PDBML (XML) file of the C-alpha atoms, coordinates in Angstrom:
<?xml version="1.0" encoding="UTF-8" ?>
<PDBx:datablock datablockName="MODEL"
   xmlns:PDBx="http://pdbml.pdb.org/schema/pdbx-v50.xsd"
   xmlns:xsi="http://www.w3.org/2001/XMLSchema-instance"
   xsi:schemaLocation="http://pdbml.pdb.org/schema/pdbx-v50.xsd pdbx-v50.xsd">
   <PDBx:atom_siteCategory>
      <PDBx:atom_site id="1">
         <PDBx:B_iso_or_equiv>0.00</PDBx:B_iso_or_equiv>
         <PDBx:Cartn_x>-10.972</PDBx:Cartn_x>
         <PDBx:Cartn_y>-23.947</PDBx:Cartn_y>
         <PDBx:Cartn_z>9.925</PDBx:Cartn_z>
         <PDBx:auth_asym_id>A</PDBx:auth_asym_id>
         <PDBx:auth_atom_id>CA</PDBx:auth_atom_id>
         <PDBx:auth_comp_id>LEU</PDBx:auth_comp_id>
         <PDBx:auth_seq_id>1</PDBx:auth_seq_id>
         <PDBx:group_PDB>ATOM</PDBx:group_PDB>
         <PDBx:label_alt_id xsi:nil="true" />
         <PDBx:label_asym_id>A</PDBx:label_asym_id>
         <PDBx:label_atom_id>CA</PDBx:label_atom_id>
         <PDBx:label_comp_id>LEU</PDBx:label_comp_id>
         <PDBx:label_entity_id>1</PDBx:label_entity_id>
         <PDBx:label_seq_id>1</PDBx:label_seq_id>
         <PDBx:occupancy>1.00</PDBx:occupancy>
         <PDBx:pdbx_PDB_model_num>1</PDBx:pdbx_PDB_model_num>
         <PDBx:type_symbol>C</PDBx:type_symbol>
      </PDBx:atom_site>
      <PDBx:atom_site id="2">
         <PDBx:B_iso_or_equiv>0.00</PDBx:B_iso_or_equiv>
         <PDBx:Cartn_x>-14.065</PDBx:Cartn_x>
         <PDBx:Cartn_y>-22.012</PDBx:Cartn_y>
         <PDBx:Cartn_z>8.859</PDBx:Cartn_z>
         <PDBx:auth_asym_id>A</PDBx:auth_asym_id>
         <PDBx:auth_atom_id>CA</PDBx:auth_atom_id>
         <PDBx:auth_comp_id>GLN</PDBx:auth_comp_id>
         <PDBx:auth_seq_id>2</PDBx:auth_seq_id>
         <PDBx:group_PDB>ATOM</PDBx:group_PDB>
         <PDBx:label_alt_id xsi:nil="true" />
         <PDBx:label_asym_id>A</PDBx:label_asym_id>
         <PDBx:label_atom_id>CA</PDBx:label_atom_id>
         <PDBx:label_comp_id>GLN</PDBx:label_comp_id>
         <PDBx:label_entity_id>1</PDBx:label_entity_id>
         <PDBx:label_seq_id>2</PDBx:label_seq_id>
         <PDBx:occupancy>1.00</PDBx:occupancy>
         <PDBx:pdbx_PDB_model_num>1</PDBx:pdbx_PDB_model_num>
         <PDBx:type_symbol>C</PDBx:type_symbol>
      </PDBx:atom_site>
      <PDBx:atom_site id="3">
         <PDBx:B_iso_or_equiv>0.00</PDBx:B_iso_or_equiv>
         <PDBx:Cartn_x>-13.527</PDBx:Cartn_x>
         <PDBx:Cartn_y>-18.227</PDBx:Cartn_y>
         <PDBx:Cartn_z>8.835</PDBx:Cartn_z>
         <PDBx:auth_asym_id>A</PDBx:auth_asym_id>
         <PDBx:auth_atom_id>CA</PDBx:auth_atom_id>
         <PDBx:auth_comp_id>ASN</PDBx:auth_comp_id>
         <PDBx:auth_seq_id>3</PDBx:auth_seq_id>
         <PDBx:group_PDB>ATOM</PDBx:group_PDB>
         <PDBx:label_alt_id xsi:nil="true" />
         <PDBx:label_asym_id>A</PDBx:label_asym_id>
         <PDBx:label_atom_id>CA</PDBx:label_atom_id>
         <PDBx:label_comp_id>ASN</PDBx:label_comp_id>
         <PDBx:label_entity_id>1</PDBx:label_entity_id>
         <PDBx:label_seq_id>3</PDBx:label_seq_id>
         <PDBx:occupancy>1.00</PDBx:occupancy>
         <PDBx:pdbx_PDB_model_num>1</PDBx:pdbx_PDB_model_num>
         <PDBx:type_symbol>C</PDBx:type_symbol>
      </PDBx:atom_site>
      <PDBx:atom_site id="4">
         <PDBx:B_iso_or_equiv>0.00</PDBx:B_iso_or_equiv>
         <PDBx:Cartn_x>-9.952</PDBx:Cartn_x>
         <PDBx:Cartn_y>-18.669</PDBx:Cartn_y>
         <PDBx:Cartn_z>10.065</PDBx:Cartn_z>
         <PDBx:auth_asym_id>A</PDBx:auth_asym_id>
         <PDBx:auth_atom_id>CA</PDBx:auth_atom_id>
         <PDBx:auth_comp_id>ALA</PDBx:auth_comp_id>
         <PDBx:auth_seq_id>4</PDBx:auth_seq_id>
         <PDBx:group_PDB>ATOM</PDBx:group_PDB>
         <PDBx:label_alt_id xsi:nil="true" />
         <PDBx:label_asym_id>A</PDBx:label_asym_id>
         <PDBx:label_atom_id>CA</PDBx:label_atom_id>
         <PDBx:label_comp_id>ALA</PDBx:label_comp_id>
         <PDBx:label_entity_id>1</PDBx:label_entity_id>
         <PDBx:label_seq_id>4</PDBx:label_seq_id>
         <PDBx:occupancy>1.00</PDBx:occupancy>
         <PDBx:pdbx_PDB_model_num>1</PDBx:pdbx_PDB_model_num>
         <PDBx:type_symbol>C</PDBx:type_symbol>
      </PDBx:atom_site>
      <PDBx:atom_site id="5">
         <PDBx:B_iso_or_equiv>0.00</PDBx:B_iso_or_equiv>
         <PDBx:Cartn_x>-7.219</PDBx:Cartn_x>
         <PDBx:Cartn_y>-16.239</PDBx:Cartn_y>
         <PDBx:Cartn_z>9.005</PDBx:Cartn_z>
         <PDBx:auth_asym_id>A</PDBx:auth_asym_id>
         <PDBx:auth_atom_id>CA</PDBx:auth_atom_id>
         <PDBx:auth_comp_id>ASN</PDBx:auth_comp_id>
         <PDBx:auth_seq_id>5</PDBx:auth_seq_id>
         <PDBx:group_PDB>ATOM</PDBx:group_PDB>
         <PDBx:label_alt_id xsi:nil="true" />
         <PDBx:label_asym_id>A</PDBx:label_asym_id>
         <PDBx:label_atom_id>CA</PDBx:label_atom_id>
         <PDBx:label_comp_id>ASN</PDBx:label_comp_id>
         <PDBx:label_entity_id>1</PDBx:label_entity_id>
         <PDBx:label_seq_id>5</PDBx:label_seq_id>
         <PDBx:occupancy>1.00</PDBx:occupancy>
         <PDBx:pdbx_PDB_model_num>1</PDBx:pdbx_PDB_model_num>
         <PDBx:type_symbol>C</PDBx:type_symbol>
      </PDBx:atom_site>
      <PDBx:atom_site id="6">
         <PDBx:B_iso_or_equiv>0.00</PDBx:B_iso_or_equiv>
         <PDBx:Cartn_x>-4.415</PDBx:Cartn_x>
         <PDBx:Cartn_y>-18.451</PDBx:Cartn_y>
         <PDBx:Cartn_z>7.688</PDBx:Cartn_z>
         <PDBx:auth_asym_id>A</PDBx:auth_asym_id>
         <PDBx:auth_atom_id>CA</PDBx:auth_atom_id>
         <PDBx:auth_comp_id>ILE</PDBx:auth_comp_id>
         <PDBx:auth_seq_id>6</PDBx:auth_seq_id>
         <PDBx:group_PDB>ATOM</PDBx:group_PDB>
         <PDBx:label_alt_id xsi:nil="true" />
         <PDBx:label_asym_id>A</PDBx:label_asym_id>
         <PDBx:label_atom_id>CA</PDBx:label_atom_id>
         <PDBx:label_comp_id>ILE</PDBx:label_comp_id>
         <PDBx:label_entity_id>1</PDBx:label_entity_id>
         <PDBx:label_seq_id>6</PDBx:label_seq_id>
         <PDBx:occupancy>1.00</PDBx:occupancy>
         <PDBx:pdbx_PDB_model_num>1</PDBx:pdbx_PDB_model_num>
         <PDBx:type_symbol>C</PDBx:type_symbol>
      </PDBx:atom_site>
      <PDBx:atom_site id="7">
         <PDBx:B_iso_or_equiv>0.00</PDBx:B_iso_or_equiv>
         <PDBx:Cartn_x>-2.538</PDBx:Cartn_x>
         <PDBx:Cartn_y>-15.694</PDBx:Cartn_y>
         <PDBx:Cartn_z>5.855</PDBx:Cartn_z>
         <PDBx:auth_asym_id>A</PDBx:auth_asym_id>
         <PDBx:auth_atom_id>CA</PDBx:auth_atom_id>
         <PDBx:auth_comp_id>THR</PDBx:auth_comp_id>
         <PDBx:auth_seq_id>7</PDBx:auth_seq_id>
         <PDBx:group_PDB>ATOM</PDBx:group_PDB>
         <PDBx:label_alt_id xsi:nil="true" />
         <PDBx:label_asym_id>A</PDBx:label_asym_id>
         <PDBx:label_atom_id>CA</PDBx:label_atom_id>
         <PDBx:label_comp_id>THR</PDBx:label_comp_id>
         <PDBx:label_entity_id>1</PDBx:label_entity_id>
         <PDBx:label_seq_id>7</PDBx:label_seq_id>
         <PDBx:occupancy>1.00</PDBx:occupancy>
         <PDBx:pdbx_PDB_model_num>1</PDBx:pdbx_PDB_model_num>
         <PDBx:type_symbol>C</PDBx:type_symbol>
      </PDBx:atom_site>
      <PDBx:atom_site id="8">
         <PDBx:B_iso_or_equiv>0.00</PDBx:B_iso_or_equiv>
         <PDBx:Cartn_x>1.101</PDBx:Cartn_x>
         <PDBx:Cartn_y>-16.535</PDBx:Cartn_y>
         <PDBx:Cartn_z>5.145</PDBx:Cartn_z>
         <PDBx:auth_asym_id>A</PDBx:auth_asym_id>
         <PDBx:auth_atom_id>CA</PDBx:auth_atom_id>
         <PDBx:auth_comp_id>ASN</PDBx:auth_comp_id>
         <PDBx:auth_seq_id>8</PDBx:auth_seq_id>
         <PDBx:group_PDB>ATOM</PDBx:group_PDB>
         <PDBx:label_alt_id xsi:nil="true" />
         <PDBx:label_asym_id>A</PDBx:label_asym_id>
         <PDBx:label_atom_id>CA</PDBx:label_atom_id>
         <PDBx:label_comp_id>ASN</PDBx:label_comp_id>
         <PDBx:label_entity_id>1</PDBx:label_entity_id>
         <PDBx:label_seq_id>8</PDBx:label_seq_id>
         <PDBx:occupancy>1.00</PDBx:occupancy>
         <PDBx:pdbx_PDB_model_num>1</PDBx:pdbx_PDB_model_num>
         <PDBx:type_symbol>C</PDBx:type_symbol>
      </PDBx:atom_site>
      <PDBx:atom_site id="9">
         <PDBx:B_iso_or_equiv>0.00</PDBx:B_iso_or_equiv>
         <PDBx:Cartn_x>0.960</PDBx:Cartn_x>
         <PDBx:Cartn_y>-19.749</PDBx:Cartn_y>
         <PDBx:Cartn_z>7.197</PDBx:Cartn_z>
         <PDBx:auth_asym_id>A</PDBx:auth_asym_id>
         <PDBx:auth_atom_id>CA</PDBx:auth_atom_id>
         <PDBx:auth_comp_id>ALA</PDBx:auth_comp_id>
         <PDBx:auth_seq_id>9</PDBx:auth_seq_id>
         <PDBx:group_PDB>ATOM</PDBx:group_PDB>
         <PDBx:label_alt_id xsi:nil="true" />
         <PDBx:label_asym_id>A</PDBx:label_asym_id>
         <PDBx:label_atom_id>CA</PDBx:label_atom_id>
         <PDBx:label_comp_id>ALA</PDBx:label_comp_id>
         <PDBx:label_entity_id>1</PDBx:label_entity_id>
         <PDBx:label_seq_id>9</PDBx:label_seq_id>
         <PDBx:occupancy>1.00</PDBx:occupancy>
         <PDBx:pdbx_PDB_model_num>1</PDBx:pdbx_PDB_model_num>
         <PDBx:type_symbol>C</PDBx:type_symbol>
      </PDBx:atom_site>
      <PDBx:atom_site id="10">
         <PDBx:B_iso_or_equiv>0.00</PDBx:B_iso_or_equiv>
         <PDBx:Cartn_x>3.310</PDBx:Cartn_x>
         <PDBx:Cartn_y>-22.663</PDBx:Cartn_y>
         <PDBx:Cartn_z>6.489</PDBx:Cartn_z>
         <PDBx:auth_asym_id>A</PDBx:auth_asym_id>
         <PDBx:auth_atom_id>CA</PDBx:auth_atom_id>
         <PDBx:auth_comp_id>ASN</PDBx:auth_comp_id>
         <PDBx:auth_seq_id>10</PDBx:auth_seq_id>
         <PDBx:group_PDB>ATOM</PDBx:group_PDB>
         <PDBx:label_alt_id xsi:nil="true" />
         <PDBx:label_asym_id>A</PDBx:label_asym_id>
         <PDBx:label_atom_id>CA</PDBx:label_atom_id>
         <PDBx:label_comp_id>ASN</PDBx:label_comp_id>
         <PDBx:label_entity_id>1</PDBx:label_entity_id>
         <PDBx:label_seq_id>10</PDBx:label_seq_id>
         <PDBx:occupancy>1.00</PDBx:occupancy>
         <PDBx:pdbx_PDB_model_num>1</PDBx:pdbx_PDB_model_num>
         <PDBx:type_symbol>C</PDBx:type_symbol>
      </PDBx:atom_site>
      <PDBx:atom_site id="11">
         <PDBx:B_iso_or_equiv>0.00</PDBx:B_iso_or_equiv>
         <PDBx:Cartn_x>1.434</PDBx:Cartn_x>
         <PDBx:Cartn_y>-25.939</PDBx:Cartn_y>
         <PDBx:Cartn_z>5.908</PDBx:Cartn_z>
         <PDBx:auth_asym_id>A</PDBx:auth_asym_id>
         <PDBx:auth_atom_id>CA</PDBx:auth_atom_id>
         <PDBx:auth_comp_id>LEU</PDBx:auth_comp_id>
         <PDBx:auth_seq_id>11</PDBx:auth_seq_id>
         <PDBx:group_PDB>ATOM</PDBx:group_PDB>
         <PDBx:label_alt_id xsi:nil="true" />
         <PDBx:label_asym_id>A</PDBx:label_asym_id>
         <PDBx:label_atom_id>CA</PDBx:label_atom_id>
         <PDBx:label_comp_id>LEU</PDBx:label_comp_id>
         <PDBx:label_entity_id>1</PDBx:label_entity_id>
         <PDBx:label_seq_id>11</PDBx:label_seq_id>
         <PDBx:occupancy>1.00</PDBx:occupancy>
         <PDBx:pdbx_PDB_model_num>1</PDBx:pdbx_PDB_model_num>
         <PDBx:type_symbol>C</PDBx:type_symbol>
      </PDBx:atom_site>
      <PDBx:atom_site id="12">
         <PDBx:B_iso_or_equiv>0.00</PDBx:B_iso_or_equiv>
         <PDBx:Cartn_x>4.106</PDBx:Cartn_x>
         <PDBx:Cartn_y>-27.725</PDBx:Cartn_y>
         <PDBx:Cartn_z>3.877</PDBx:Cartn_z>
         <PDBx:auth_asym_id>A</PDBx:auth_asym_id>
         <PDBx:auth_atom_id>CA</PDBx:auth_atom_id>
         <PDBx:auth_comp_id>VAL</PDBx:auth_comp_id>
         <PDBx:auth_seq_id>12</PDBx:auth_seq_id>
         <PDBx:group_PDB>ATOM</PDBx:group_PDB>
         <PDBx:label_alt_id xsi:nil="true" />
         <PDBx:label_asym_id>A</PDBx:label_asym_id>
         <PDBx:label_atom_id>CA</PDBx:label_atom_id>
         <PDBx:label_comp_id>VAL</PDBx:label_comp_id>
         <PDBx:label_entity_id>1</PDBx:label_entity_id>
         <PDBx:label_seq_id>12</PDBx:label_seq_id>
         <PDBx:occupancy>1.00</PDBx:occupancy>
         <PDBx:pdbx_PDB_model_num>1</PDBx:pdbx_PDB_model_num>
         <PDBx:type_symbol>C</PDBx:type_symbol>
      </PDBx:atom_site>
      <PDBx:atom_site id="13">
         <PDBx:B_iso_or_equiv>0.00</PDBx:B_iso_or_equiv>
         <PDBx:Cartn_x>3.556</PDBx:Cartn_x>
         <PDBx:Cartn_y>-31.511</PDBx:Cartn_y>
         <PDBx:Cartn_z>3.864</PDBx:Cartn_z>
         <PDBx:auth_asym_id>A</PDBx:auth_asym_id>
         <PDBx:auth_atom_id>CA</PDBx:auth_atom_id>
         <PDBx:auth_comp_id>LYS</PDBx:auth_comp_id>
         <PDBx:auth_seq_id>13</PDBx:auth_seq_id>
         <PDBx:group_PDB>ATOM</PDBx:group_PDB>
         <PDBx:label_alt_id xsi:nil="true" />
         <PDBx:label_asym_id>A</PDBx:label_asym_id>
         <PDBx:label_atom_id>CA</PDBx:label_atom_id>
         <PDBx:label_comp_id>LYS</PDBx:label_comp_id>
         <PDBx:label_entity_id>1</PDBx:label_entity_id>
         <PDBx:label_seq_id>13</PDBx:label_seq_id>
         <PDBx:occupancy>1.00</PDBx:occupancy>
         <PDBx:pdbx_PDB_model_num>1</PDBx:pdbx_PDB_model_num>
         <PDBx:type_symbol>C</PDBx:type_symbol>
      </PDBx:atom_site>
      <PDBx:atom_site id="14">
         <PDBx:B_iso_or_equiv>0.00</PDBx:B_iso_or_equiv>
         <PDBx:Cartn_x>0.728</PDBx:Cartn_x>
         <PDBx:Cartn_y>-31.227</PDBx:Cartn_y>
         <PDBx:Cartn_z>6.412</PDBx:Cartn_z>
         <PDBx:auth_asym_id>A</PDBx:auth_asym_id>
         <PDBx:auth_atom_id>CA</PDBx:auth_atom_id>
         <PDBx:auth_comp_id>ALA</PDBx:auth_comp_id>
         <PDBx:auth_seq_id>14</PDBx:auth_seq_id>
         <PDBx:group_PDB>ATOM</PDBx:group_PDB>
         <PDBx:label_alt_id xsi:nil="true" />
         <PDBx:label_asym_id>A</PDBx:label_asym_id>
         <PDBx:label_atom_id>CA</PDBx:label_atom_id>
         <PDBx:label_comp_id>ALA</PDBx:label_comp_id>
         <PDBx:label_entity_id>1</PDBx:label_entity_id>
         <PDBx:label_seq_id>14</PDBx:label_seq_id>
         <PDBx:occupancy>1.00</PDBx:occupancy>
         <PDBx:pdbx_PDB_model_num>1</PDBx:pdbx_PDB_model_num>
         <PDBx:type_symbol>C</PDBx:type_symbol>
      </PDBx:atom_site>
      <PDBx:atom_site id="15">
         <PDBx:B_iso_or_equiv>0.00</PDBx:B_iso_or_equiv>
         <PDBx:Cartn_x>-2.166</PDBx:Cartn_x>
         <PDBx:Cartn_y>-33.702</PDBx:Cartn_y>
         <PDBx:Cartn_z>6.294</PDBx:Cartn_z>
         <PDBx:auth_asym_id>A</PDBx:auth_asym_id>
         <PDBx:auth_atom_id>CA</PDBx:auth_atom_id>
         <PDBx:auth_comp_id>ASN</PDBx:auth_comp_id>
         <PDBx:auth_seq_id>15</PDBx:auth_seq_id>
         <PDBx:group_PDB>ATOM</PDBx:group_PDB>
         <PDBx:label_alt_id xsi:nil="true" />
         <PDBx:label_asym_id>A</PDBx:label_asym_id>
         <PDBx:label_atom_id>CA</PDBx:label_atom_id>
         <PDBx:label_comp_id>ASN</PDBx:label_comp_id>
         <PDBx:label_entity_id>1</PDBx:label_entity_id>
         <PDBx:label_seq_id>15</PDBx:label_seq_id>
         <PDBx:occupancy>1.00</PDBx:occupancy>
         <PDBx:pdbx_PDB_model_num>1</PDBx:pdbx_PDB_model_num>
         <PDBx:type_symbol>C</PDBx:type_symbol>
      </PDBx:atom_site>
      <PDBx:atom_site id="16">
         <PDBx:B_iso_or_equiv>0.00</PDBx:B_iso_or_equiv>
         <PDBx:Cartn_x>-5.442</PDBx:Cartn_x>
         <PDBx:Cartn_y>-31.730</PDBx:Cartn_y>
         <PDBx:Cartn_z>6.127</PDBx:Cartn_z>
         <PDBx:auth_asym_id>A</PDBx:auth_asym_id>
         <PDBx:auth_atom_id>CA</PDBx:auth_atom_id>
         <PDBx:auth_comp_id>LEU</PDBx:auth_comp_id>
         <PDBx:auth_seq_id>16</PDBx:auth_seq_id>
         <PDBx:group_PDB>ATOM</PDBx:group_PDB>
         <PDBx:label_alt_id xsi:nil="true" />
         <PDBx:label_asym_id>A</PDBx:label_asym_id>
         <PDBx:label_atom_id>CA</PDBx:label_atom_id>
         <PDBx:label_comp_id>LEU</PDBx:label_comp_id>
         <PDBx:label_entity_id>1</PDBx:label_entity_id>
         <PDBx:label_seq_id>16</PDBx:label_seq_id>
         <PDBx:occupancy>1.00</PDBx:occupancy>
         <PDBx:pdbx_PDB_model_num>1</PDBx:pdbx_PDB_model_num>
         <PDBx:type_symbol>C</PDBx:type_symbol>
      </PDBx:atom_site>
      <PDBx:atom_site id="17">
         <PDBx:B_iso_or_equiv>0.00</PDBx:B_iso_or_equiv>
         <PDBx:Cartn_x>-7.726</PDBx:Cartn_x>
         <PDBx:Cartn_y>-34.267</PDBx:Cartn_y>
         <PDBx:Cartn_z>4.496</PDBx:Cartn_z>
         <PDBx:auth_asym_id>A</PDBx:auth_asym_id>
         <PDBx:auth_atom_id>CA</PDBx:auth_atom_id>
         <PDBx:auth_comp_id>SER</PDBx:auth_comp_id>
         <PDBx:auth_seq_id>17</PDBx:auth_seq_id>
         <PDBx:group_PDB>ATOM</PDBx:group_PDB>
         <PDBx:label_alt_id xsi:nil="true" />
         <PDBx:label_asym_id>A</PDBx:label_asym_id>
         <PDBx:label_atom_id>CA</PDBx:label_atom_id>
         <PDBx:label_comp_id>SER</PDBx:label_comp_id>
         <PDBx:label_entity_id>1</PDBx:label_entity_id>
         <PDBx:label_seq_id>17</PDBx:label_seq_id>
         <PDBx:occupancy>1.00</PDBx:occupancy>
         <PDBx:pdbx_PDB_model_num>1</PDBx:pdbx_PDB_model_num>
         <PDBx:type_symbol>C</PDBx:type_symbol>
      </PDBx:atom_site>
      <PDBx:atom_site id="18">
         <PDBx:B_iso_or_equiv>0.00</PDBx:B_iso_or_equiv>
         <PDBx:Cartn_x>-11.466</PDBx:Cartn_x>
         <PDBx:Cartn_y>-33.808</PDBx:Cartn_y>
         <PDBx:Cartn_z>5.051</PDBx:Cartn_z>
         <PDBx:auth_asym_id>A</PDBx:auth_asym_id>
         <PDBx:auth_atom_id>CA</PDBx:auth_atom_id>
         <PDBx:auth_comp_id>GLN</PDBx:auth_comp_id>
         <PDBx:auth_seq_id>18</PDBx:auth_seq_id>
         <PDBx:group_PDB>ATOM</PDBx:group_PDB>
         <PDBx:label_alt_id xsi:nil="true" />
         <PDBx:label_asym_id>A</PDBx:label_asym_id>
         <PDBx:label_atom_id>CA</PDBx:label_atom_id>
         <PDBx:label_comp_id>GLN</PDBx:label_comp_id>
         <PDBx:label_entity_id>1</PDBx:label_entity_id>
         <PDBx:label_seq_id>18</PDBx:label_seq_id>
         <PDBx:occupancy>1.00</PDBx:occupancy>
         <PDBx:pdbx_PDB_model_num>1</PDBx:pdbx_PDB_model_num>
         <PDBx:type_symbol>C</PDBx:type_symbol>
      </PDBx:atom_site>
      <PDBx:atom_site id="19">
         <PDBx:B_iso_or_equiv>0.00</PDBx:B_iso_or_equiv>
         <PDBx:Cartn_x>-10.930</PDBx:Cartn_x>
         <PDBx:Cartn_y>-30.378</PDBx:Cartn_y>
         <PDBx:Cartn_z>6.641</PDBx:Cartn_z>
         <PDBx:auth_asym_id>A</PDBx:auth_asym_id>
         <PDBx:auth_atom_id>CA</PDBx:auth_atom_id>
         <PDBx:auth_comp_id>SER</PDBx:auth_comp_id>
         <PDBx:auth_seq_id>19</PDBx:auth_seq_id>
         <PDBx:group_PDB>ATOM</PDBx:group_PDB>
         <PDBx:label_alt_id xsi:nil="true" />
         <PDBx:label_asym_id>A</PDBx:label_asym_id>
         <PDBx:label_atom_id>CA</PDBx:label_atom_id>
         <PDBx:label_comp_id>SER</PDBx:label_comp_id>
         <PDBx:label_entity_id>1</PDBx:label_entity_id>
         <PDBx:label_seq_id>19</PDBx:label_seq_id>
         <PDBx:occupancy>1.00</PDBx:occupancy>
         <PDBx:pdbx_PDB_model_num>1</PDBx:pdbx_PDB_model_num>
         <PDBx:type_symbol>C</PDBx:type_symbol>
      </PDBx:atom_site>
      <PDBx:atom_site id="20">
         <PDBx:B_iso_or_equiv>0.00</PDBx:B_iso_or_equiv>
         <PDBx:Cartn_x>-13.212</PDBx:Cartn_x>
         <PDBx:Cartn_y>-27.363</PDBx:Cartn_y>
         <PDBx:Cartn_z>6.336</PDBx:Cartn_z>
         <PDBx:auth_asym_id>A</PDBx:auth_asym_id>
         <PDBx:auth_atom_id>CA</PDBx:auth_atom_id>
         <PDBx:auth_comp_id>ASN</PDBx:auth_comp_id>
         <PDBx:auth_seq_id>20</PDBx:auth_seq_id>
         <PDBx:group_PDB>ATOM</PDBx:group_PDB>
         <PDBx:label_alt_id xsi:nil="true" />
         <PDBx:label_asym_id>A</PDBx:label_asym_id>
         <PDBx:label_atom_id>CA</PDBx:label_atom_id>
         <PDBx:label_comp_id>ASN</PDBx:label_comp_id>
         <PDBx:label_entity_id>1</PDBx:label_entity_id>
         <PDBx:label_seq_id>20</PDBx:label_seq_id>
         <PDBx:occupancy>1.00</PDBx:occupancy>
         <PDBx:pdbx_PDB_model_num>1</PDBx:pdbx_PDB_model_num>
         <PDBx:type_symbol>C</PDBx:type_symbol>
      </PDBx:atom_site>
      <PDBx:atom_site id="21">
         <PDBx:B_iso_or_equiv>0.00</PDBx:B_iso_or_equiv>
         <PDBx:Cartn_x>-11.694</PDBx:Cartn_x>
         <PDBx:Cartn_y>-24.093</PDBx:Cartn_y>
         <PDBx:Cartn_z>5.051</PDBx:Cartn_z>
         <PDBx:auth_asym_id>A</PDBx:auth_asym_id>
         <PDBx:auth_atom_id>CA</PDBx:auth_atom_id>
         <PDBx:auth_comp_id>PHE</PDBx:auth_comp_id>
         <PDBx:auth_seq_id>21</PDBx:auth_seq_id>
         <PDBx:group_PDB>ATOM</PDBx:group_PDB>
         <PDBx:label_alt_id xsi:nil="true" />
         <PDBx:label_asym_id>A</PDBx:label_asym_id>
         <PDBx:label_atom_id>CA</PDBx:label_atom_id>
         <PDBx:label_comp_id>PHE</PDBx:label_comp_id>
         <PDBx:label_entity_id>1</PDBx:label_entity_id>
         <PDBx:label_seq_id>21</PDBx:label_seq_id>
         <PDBx:occupancy>1.00</PDBx:occupancy>
         <PDBx:pdbx_PDB_model_num>1</PDBx:pdbx_PDB_model_num>
         <PDBx:type_symbol>C</PDBx:type_symbol>
      </PDBx:atom_site>
      <PDBx:atom_site id="22">
         <PDBx:B_iso_or_equiv>0.00</PDBx:B_iso_or_equiv>
         <PDBx:Cartn_x>-15.016</PDBx:Cartn_x>
         <PDBx:Cartn_y>-22.489</PDBx:Cartn_y>
         <PDBx:Cartn_z>4.078</PDBx:Cartn_z>
         <PDBx:auth_asym_id>A</PDBx:auth_asym_id>
         <PDBx:auth_atom_id>CA</PDBx:auth_atom_id>
         <PDBx:auth_comp_id>SER</PDBx:auth_comp_id>
         <PDBx:auth_seq_id>22</PDBx:auth_seq_id>
         <PDBx:group_PDB>ATOM</PDBx:group_PDB>
         <PDBx:label_alt_id xsi:nil="true" />
         <PDBx:label_asym_id>A</PDBx:label_asym_id>
         <PDBx:label_atom_id>CA</PDBx:label_atom_id>
         <PDBx:label_comp_id>SER</PDBx:label_comp_id>
         <PDBx:label_entity_id>1</PDBx:label_entity_id>
         <PDBx:label_seq_id>22</PDBx:label_seq_id>
         <PDBx:occupancy>1.00</PDBx:occupancy>
         <PDBx:pdbx_PDB_model_num>1</PDBx:pdbx_PDB_model_num>
         <PDBx:type_symbol>C</PDBx:type_symbol>
      </PDBx:atom_site>
      <PDBx:atom_site id="23">
         <PDBx:B_iso_or_equiv>0.00</PDBx:B_iso_or_equiv>
         <PDBx:Cartn_x>-14.767</PDBx:Cartn_x>
         <PDBx:Cartn_y>-18.660</PDBx:Cartn_y>
         <PDBx:Cartn_z>4.059</PDBx:Cartn_z>
         <PDBx:auth_asym_id>A</PDBx:auth_asym_id>
         <PDBx:auth_atom_id>CA</PDBx:auth_atom_id>
         <PDBx:auth_comp_id>LYS</PDBx:auth_comp_id>
         <PDBx:auth_seq_id>23</PDBx:auth_seq_id>
         <PDBx:group_PDB>ATOM</PDBx:group_PDB>
         <PDBx:label_alt_id xsi:nil="true" />
         <PDBx:label_asym_id>A</PDBx:label_asym_id>
         <PDBx:label_atom_id>CA</PDBx:label_atom_id>
         <PDBx:label_comp_id>LYS</PDBx:label_comp_id>
         <PDBx:label_entity_id>1</PDBx:label_entity_id>
         <PDBx:label_seq_id>23</PDBx:label_seq_id>
         <PDBx:occupancy>1.00</PDBx:occupancy>
         <PDBx:pdbx_PDB_model_num>1</PDBx:pdbx_PDB_model_num>
         <PDBx:type_symbol>C</PDBx:type_symbol>
      </PDBx:atom_site>
      <PDBx:atom_site id="24">
         <PDBx:B_iso_or_equiv>0.00</PDBx:B_iso_or_equiv>
         <PDBx:Cartn_x>-11.214</PDBx:Cartn_x>
         <PDBx:Cartn_y>-18.871</PDBx:Cartn_y>
         <PDBx:Cartn_z>5.435</PDBx:Cartn_z>
         <PDBx:auth_asym_id>A</PDBx:auth_asym_id>
         <PDBx:auth_atom_id>CA</PDBx:auth_atom_id>
         <PDBx:auth_comp_id>ALA</PDBx:auth_comp_id>
         <PDBx:auth_seq_id>24</PDBx:auth_seq_id>
         <PDBx:group_PDB>ATOM</PDBx:group_PDB>
         <PDBx:label_alt_id xsi:nil="true" />
         <PDBx:label_asym_id>A</PDBx:label_asym_id>
         <PDBx:label_atom_id>CA</PDBx:label_atom_id>
         <PDBx:label_comp_id>ALA</PDBx:label_comp_id>
         <PDBx:label_entity_id>1</PDBx:label_entity_id>
         <PDBx:label_seq_id>24</PDBx:label_seq_id>
         <PDBx:occupancy>1.00</PDBx:occupancy>
         <PDBx:pdbx_PDB_model_num>1</PDBx:pdbx_PDB_model_num>
         <PDBx:type_symbol>C</PDBx:type_symbol>
      </PDBx:atom_site>
      <PDBx:atom_site id="25">
         <PDBx:B_iso_or_equiv>0.00</PDBx:B_iso_or_equiv>
         <PDBx:Cartn_x>-8.487</PDBx:Cartn_x>
         <PDBx:Cartn_y>-16.432</PDBx:Cartn_y>
         <PDBx:Cartn_z>4.368</PDBx:Cartn_z>
         <PDBx:auth_asym_id>A</PDBx:auth_asym_id>
         <PDBx:auth_atom_id>CA</PDBx:auth_atom_id>
         <PDBx:auth_comp_id>ILE</PDBx:auth_comp_id>
         <PDBx:auth_seq_id>25</PDBx:auth_seq_id>
         <PDBx:group_PDB>ATOM</PDBx:group_PDB>
         <PDBx:label_alt_id xsi:nil="true" />
         <PDBx:label_asym_id>A</PDBx:label_asym_id>
         <PDBx:label_atom_id>CA</PDBx:label_atom_id>
         <PDBx:label_comp_id>ILE</PDBx:label_comp_id>
         <PDBx:label_entity_id>1</PDBx:label_entity_id>
         <PDBx:label_seq_id>25</PDBx:label_seq_id>
         <PDBx:occupancy>1.00</PDBx:occupancy>
         <PDBx:pdbx_PDB_model_num>1</PDBx:pdbx_PDB_model_num>
         <PDBx:type_symbol>C</PDBx:type_symbol>
      </PDBx:atom_site>
   </PDBx:atom_siteCategory>
</PDBx:datablock>
C-alpha cells in the first residue's frame, strides 16, 4: 500500500499483517 491514499477508509477488524504503508496517507 505504498503511497496509497487511504483517507477515511474503514479497516475495522481487517488483517493487514506484514503490509507496507510507507508514505501512504
